[in-house]
Amino acid sequence: MPLNMIGAGNSAFVRRVSGNDETRRYLGNLGFVNGAEVHVVSEIGGNVIVSIKDSRIAINKDMASHILV
């Protein structure tokens, strides 16, 4: 299931990151790698603020759809 579907207050583990090489590299540099725990802090219109590896990151719904949990 894509990250933008799990809702605020929930946590999940990253299972896979899809997309082209540039998208996967970008998300990997932000910490979205297989097995990483991600917590959705808030969600507004599909855009999400997540906590991952002691950092808070805001990503749009297009990028969040590439992160499968």
N, C-alpha and C. Protein backbone atom coordinates (compact mmCIF):
# COMPACT_ATOMS: atom_id res chain seq x y z
N MET A 1 0.85 -1.16 0.00
CA MET A 1 0.00 0.00 0.00
C MET A 1 0.90 1.24 0.00
N PRO A 2 0.55 2.28 -0.75
CA PRO A 2 1.36 3.50 -0.78
C PRO A 2 1.32 4.26 0.55
N LEU A 3 2.37 4.98 0.83
CA LEU A 3 2.49 5.71 2.09
C LEU A 3 1.36 6.71 2.29
N ASN A 4 0.89 7.34 1.23
CA ASN A 4 -0.16 8.35 1.38
C ASN A 4 -1.52 7.75 1.73
N MET A 5 -1.61 6.43 1.87
CA MET A 5 -2.88 5.77 2.21
C MET A 5 -2.97 5.37 3.68
N ILE A 6 -1.90 5.49 4.48
CA ILE A 6 -1.96 4.95 5.84
C ILE A 6 -2.50 5.92 6.87
N GLY A 7 -2.60 7.19 6.60
CA GLY A 7 -3.25 8.13 7.52
C GLY A 7 -2.37 8.61 8.66
N ALA A 8 -2.72 9.77 9.18
CA ALA A 8 -1.96 10.42 10.24
C ALA A 8 -2.00 9.59 11.53
N GLY A 9 -0.87 9.57 12.23
CA GLY A 9 -0.77 8.87 13.50
C GLY A 9 -0.36 7.41 13.39
N ASN A 10 -0.25 6.90 12.19
CA ASN A 10 0.12 5.50 11.99
C ASN A 10 1.58 5.36 11.59
N SER A 11 2.14 4.21 11.90
CA SER A 11 3.51 3.89 11.53
C SER A 11 3.53 2.66 10.64
N ALA A 12 4.56 2.55 9.83
CA ALA A 12 4.72 1.39 8.95
C ALA A 12 6.20 1.26 8.59
N PHE A 13 6.53 0.15 7.99
CA PHE A 13 7.89 -0.08 7.52
C PHE A 13 7.91 0.00 6.01
N VAL A 14 8.94 0.63 5.46
CA VAL A 14 9.09 0.75 4.02
C VAL A 14 9.38 -0.63 3.45
N ARG A 15 8.59 -1.06 2.49
CA ARG A 15 8.77 -2.37 1.85
C ARG A 15 9.51 -2.22 0.53
N ARG A 16 9.18 -1.15 -0.21
CA ARG A 16 9.79 -0.96 -1.53
C ARG A 16 9.59 0.49 -1.95
N VAL A 17 10.54 1.00 -2.71
CA VAL A 17 10.42 2.34 -3.30
C VAL A 17 10.41 2.15 -4.81
N SER A 18 9.36 2.64 -5.46
CA SER A 18 9.23 2.47 -6.90
C SER A 18 9.57 3.78 -7.61
N GLY A 19 9.51 3.77 -8.92
CA GLY A 19 9.80 4.95 -9.72
C GLY A 19 11.08 4.78 -10.51
N ASN A 20 11.46 5.84 -11.21
CA ASN A 20 12.69 5.77 -12.00
C ASN A 20 13.90 5.88 -11.08
N ASP A 21 15.08 5.74 -11.65
CA ASP A 21 16.32 5.74 -10.85
C ASP A 21 16.48 7.02 -10.05
N GLU A 22 16.18 8.15 -10.66
CA GLU A 22 16.33 9.44 -9.98
C GLU A 22 15.40 9.56 -8.79
N THR A 23 14.16 9.13 -8.93
CA THR A 23 13.18 9.17 -7.83
C THR A 23 13.61 8.25 -6.70
N ARG A 24 14.01 7.03 -7.02
CA ARG A 24 14.45 6.09 -5.98
C ARG A 24 15.69 6.60 -5.25
N ARG A 25 16.61 7.20 -5.98
CA ARG A 25 17.83 7.75 -5.37
C ARG A 25 17.48 8.92 -4.44
N TYR A 26 16.61 9.81 -4.89
CA TYR A 26 16.19 10.96 -4.09
C TYR A 26 15.53 10.51 -2.78
N LEU A 27 14.57 9.58 -2.89
CA LEU A 27 13.88 9.11 -1.70
C LEU A 27 14.81 8.31 -0.79
N GLY A 28 15.74 7.57 -1.36
CA GLY A 28 16.72 6.84 -0.57
C GLY A 28 17.61 7.78 0.22
N ASN A 29 18.00 8.90 -0.38
CA ASN A 29 18.82 9.89 0.32
C ASN A 29 18.06 10.54 1.47
N LEU A 30 16.74 10.60 1.37
CA LEU A 30 15.93 11.14 2.46
C LEU A 30 15.73 10.12 3.59
N GLY A 31 16.08 8.86 3.34
CA GLY A 31 15.96 7.83 4.37
C GLY A 31 14.92 6.77 4.08
N PHE A 32 14.23 6.87 2.96
CA PHE A 32 13.21 5.90 2.60
C PHE A 32 13.87 4.70 1.93
N VAL A 33 14.37 3.79 2.77
CA VAL A 33 15.02 2.57 2.30
C VAL A 33 14.25 1.38 2.87
N ASN A 34 14.41 0.21 2.25
CA ASN A 34 13.72 -0.99 2.71
C ASN A 34 13.98 -1.24 4.19
N GLY A 35 12.90 -1.46 4.94
CA GLY A 35 13.01 -1.78 6.35
C GLY A 35 12.97 -0.57 7.28
N ALA A 36 13.06 0.63 6.75
CA ALA A 36 13.03 1.82 7.60
C ALA A 36 11.62 2.05 8.13
N GLU A 37 11.52 2.42 9.42
CA GLU A 37 10.22 2.72 10.00
C GLU A 37 9.87 4.17 9.73
N VAL A 38 8.64 4.40 9.29
CA VAL A 38 8.16 5.74 8.99
C VAL A 38 6.86 5.98 9.74
N HIS A 39 6.74 7.17 10.35
CA HIS A 39 5.55 7.54 11.11
C HIS A 39 4.93 8.75 10.43
N VAL A 40 3.64 8.67 10.09
CA VAL A 40 2.94 9.78 9.45
C VAL A 40 2.48 10.74 10.54
N VAL A 41 3.04 11.94 10.53
CA VAL A 41 2.71 12.96 11.53
C VAL A 41 1.40 13.65 11.17
N SER A 42 1.27 14.09 9.92
CA SER A 42 0.02 14.71 9.48
C SER A 42 -0.15 14.52 7.99
N GLU A 43 -1.39 14.71 7.55
CA GLU A 43 -1.72 14.53 6.14
C GLU A 43 -2.74 15.58 5.75
N ILE A 44 -2.44 16.30 4.68
CA ILE A 44 -3.36 17.33 4.18
C ILE A 44 -3.45 17.19 2.67
N GLY A 45 -4.60 16.80 2.18
CA GLY A 45 -4.82 16.67 0.75
C GLY A 45 -3.92 15.68 0.06
N GLY A 46 -3.51 14.63 0.74
CA GLY A 46 -2.63 13.63 0.15
C GLY A 46 -1.17 13.91 0.38
N ASN A 47 -0.81 15.16 0.67
CA ASN A 47 0.57 15.51 1.02
C ASN A 47 0.79 15.11 2.47
N VAL A 48 1.97 14.60 2.78
CA VAL A 48 2.21 14.07 4.12
C VAL A 48 3.47 14.65 4.76
N ILE A 49 3.43 14.77 6.07
CA ILE A 49 4.61 15.07 6.87
C ILE A 49 4.91 13.80 7.64
N VAL A 50 6.12 13.29 7.46
CA VAL A 50 6.49 12.03 8.09
C VAL A 50 7.72 12.22 8.97
N SER A 51 7.84 11.31 9.92
CA SER A 51 9.03 11.25 10.76
C SER A 51 9.75 9.97 10.39
N ILE A 52 11.00 10.11 9.97
CA ILE A 52 11.81 8.96 9.59
C ILE A 52 13.25 9.23 9.99
N LYS A 53 13.85 8.27 10.67
CA LYS A 53 15.25 8.37 11.10
C LYS A 53 15.53 9.68 11.82
N ASP A 54 14.70 10.02 12.83
CA ASP A 54 14.87 11.21 13.66
C ASP A 54 14.78 12.52 12.88
N SER A 55 14.11 12.53 11.74
CA SER A 55 13.90 13.74 10.95
C SER A 55 12.44 13.83 10.54
N ARG A 56 11.97 15.07 10.38
CA ARG A 56 10.63 15.28 9.83
C ARG A 56 10.77 15.77 8.41
N ILE A 57 10.02 15.14 7.51
CA ILE A 57 10.11 15.45 6.09
C ILE A 57 8.71 15.62 5.53
N ALA A 58 8.53 16.66 4.73
CA ALA A 58 7.26 16.87 4.03
C ALA A 58 7.44 16.41 2.59
N ILE A 59 6.54 15.55 2.13
CA ILE A 59 6.60 15.10 0.74
C ILE A 59 5.21 15.20 0.12
N ASN A 60 5.20 15.46 -1.19
CA ASN A 60 3.90 15.59 -1.86
C ASN A 60 3.30 14.22 -2.15
N LYS A 61 2.05 14.22 -2.55
CA LYS A 61 1.34 12.95 -2.73
C LYS A 61 1.92 12.12 -3.86
N ASP A 62 2.53 12.75 -4.87
CA ASP A 62 3.15 11.99 -5.95
C ASP A 62 4.34 11.19 -5.44
N MET A 63 5.21 11.84 -4.67
CA MET A 63 6.36 11.13 -4.10
C MET A 63 5.91 10.07 -3.09
N ALA A 64 4.90 10.38 -2.28
CA ALA A 64 4.42 9.43 -1.28
C ALA A 64 3.84 8.19 -1.96
N SER A 65 3.30 8.33 -3.16
CA SER A 65 2.73 7.16 -3.85
C SER A 65 3.82 6.20 -4.32
N HIS A 66 5.08 6.64 -4.40
CA HIS A 66 6.17 5.77 -4.81
C HIS A 66 6.73 4.96 -3.63
N ILE A 67 6.32 5.30 -2.40
CA ILE A 67 6.83 4.62 -1.22
C ILE A 67 5.80 3.58 -0.78
N LEU A 68 6.12 2.33 -0.92
CA LEU A 68 5.20 1.26 -0.56
C LEU A 68 5.53 0.73 0.83
N VAL A 69 4.51 0.65 1.67
CA VAL A 69 4.69 0.20 3.06
C VAL A 69 3.90 -1.06 3.31
